[in-house]
Amino acid sequence: MTLAQVVYQMSNDTDFASQLFSNPESALKSRGLKLSQEELAFLVTSHQRDDQPRIVNLSEELGTGWRR
């Protein structure tokens, strides 16, 4: 449940999210939250990944509508 709480806090509080990635232990401690090393590693590495899937509007990419 704690990982879900951290993700929720990240999505609603950009200051917390920034602090989490700059000083994770302090950010979590200030909110009374704890994560396992595996959970923390998952969050940090997923944030650092540059190859995240992106939603693409194919009609804009191809310059055509879906109806011809």
Protein backbone atom coordinates (compact mmCIF):
# COMPACT_ATOMS: atom_id res chain seq x y z
CA MET A 1 0.00 0.00 0.00
CA THR A 2 2.87 2.39 0.66
CA LEU A 3 4.09 2.39 -2.95
CA ALA A 4 0.59 3.43 -4.03
CA GLN A 5 0.64 6.23 -1.46
CA VAL A 6 3.98 7.49 -2.75
CA VAL A 7 2.81 7.42 -6.37
CA TYR A 8 -0.36 9.27 -5.35
CA GLN A 9 1.67 11.92 -3.52
CA MET A 10 3.98 12.28 -6.54
CA SER A 11 1.07 12.82 -8.88
CA ASN A 12 -0.55 15.45 -6.67
CA ASP A 13 2.46 17.29 -5.26
CA THR A 14 5.23 18.33 -7.64
CA ASP A 15 7.39 19.60 -4.76
CA PHE A 16 7.27 16.16 -3.16
CA ALA A 17 8.10 14.51 -6.49
CA SER A 18 11.11 16.79 -7.00
CA GLN A 19 12.32 16.19 -3.47
CA LEU A 20 11.81 12.45 -3.87
CA PHE A 21 14.17 12.31 -6.84
CA SER A 22 16.77 14.62 -5.31
CA ASN A 23 16.74 13.21 -1.75
CA PRO A 24 14.45 10.17 -1.50
CA GLU A 25 15.11 9.29 2.14
CA SER A 26 14.32 12.79 3.37
CA ALA A 27 11.21 13.12 1.20
CA LEU A 28 9.79 9.82 2.38
CA LYS A 29 10.66 10.47 6.03
CA SER A 30 8.99 13.90 5.94
CA ARG A 31 5.71 12.21 4.93
CA GLY A 32 6.07 9.27 7.28
CA LEU A 33 6.38 6.86 4.35
CA LYS A 34 8.72 3.92 3.86
CA LEU A 35 9.63 2.03 0.73
CA SER A 36 11.70 -1.07 0.25
CA GLN A 37 14.96 -0.68 -1.65
CA GLU A 38 13.33 -2.45 -4.61
CA GLU A 39 10.34 -0.09 -4.65
CA LEU A 40 12.56 2.98 -4.41
CA ALA A 41 14.84 1.68 -7.17
CA PHE A 42 11.79 1.08 -9.38
CA LEU A 43 10.56 4.66 -8.93
CA VAL A 44 13.95 6.25 -9.49
CA THR A 45 14.86 4.18 -12.54
CA SER A 46 11.44 4.58 -14.13
CA HIS A 47 11.76 8.34 -13.69
CA GLN A 48 15.21 8.35 -15.31
CA ARG A 49 14.22 6.24 -18.32
CA ASP A 50 14.06 8.15 -21.56
CA ASP A 51 12.34 5.44 -23.58
CA GLN A 52 8.96 5.67 -21.88
CA PRO A 53 6.05 4.81 -24.16
CA ARG A 54 4.28 7.89 -25.42
CA ILE A 55 0.72 8.26 -26.62
CA VAL A 56 0.76 9.25 -30.26
CA ASN A 57 -2.12 10.57 -32.30
CA LEU A 58 -1.62 8.63 -35.52
CA SER A 59 -3.79 10.94 -37.59
CA GLU A 60 -1.51 13.84 -36.66
CA GLU A 61 1.65 11.78 -37.19
CA LEU A 62 0.55 10.56 -40.61
CA GLY A 63 -1.16 13.79 -41.62
CA THR A 64 -4.39 11.98 -42.37
CA GLY A 65 -7.61 11.33 -40.56
CA TRP A 66 -8.75 7.84 -39.71
CA ARG A 67 -11.46 8.16 -42.32
CA ARG A 68 -10.46 8.57 -45.91
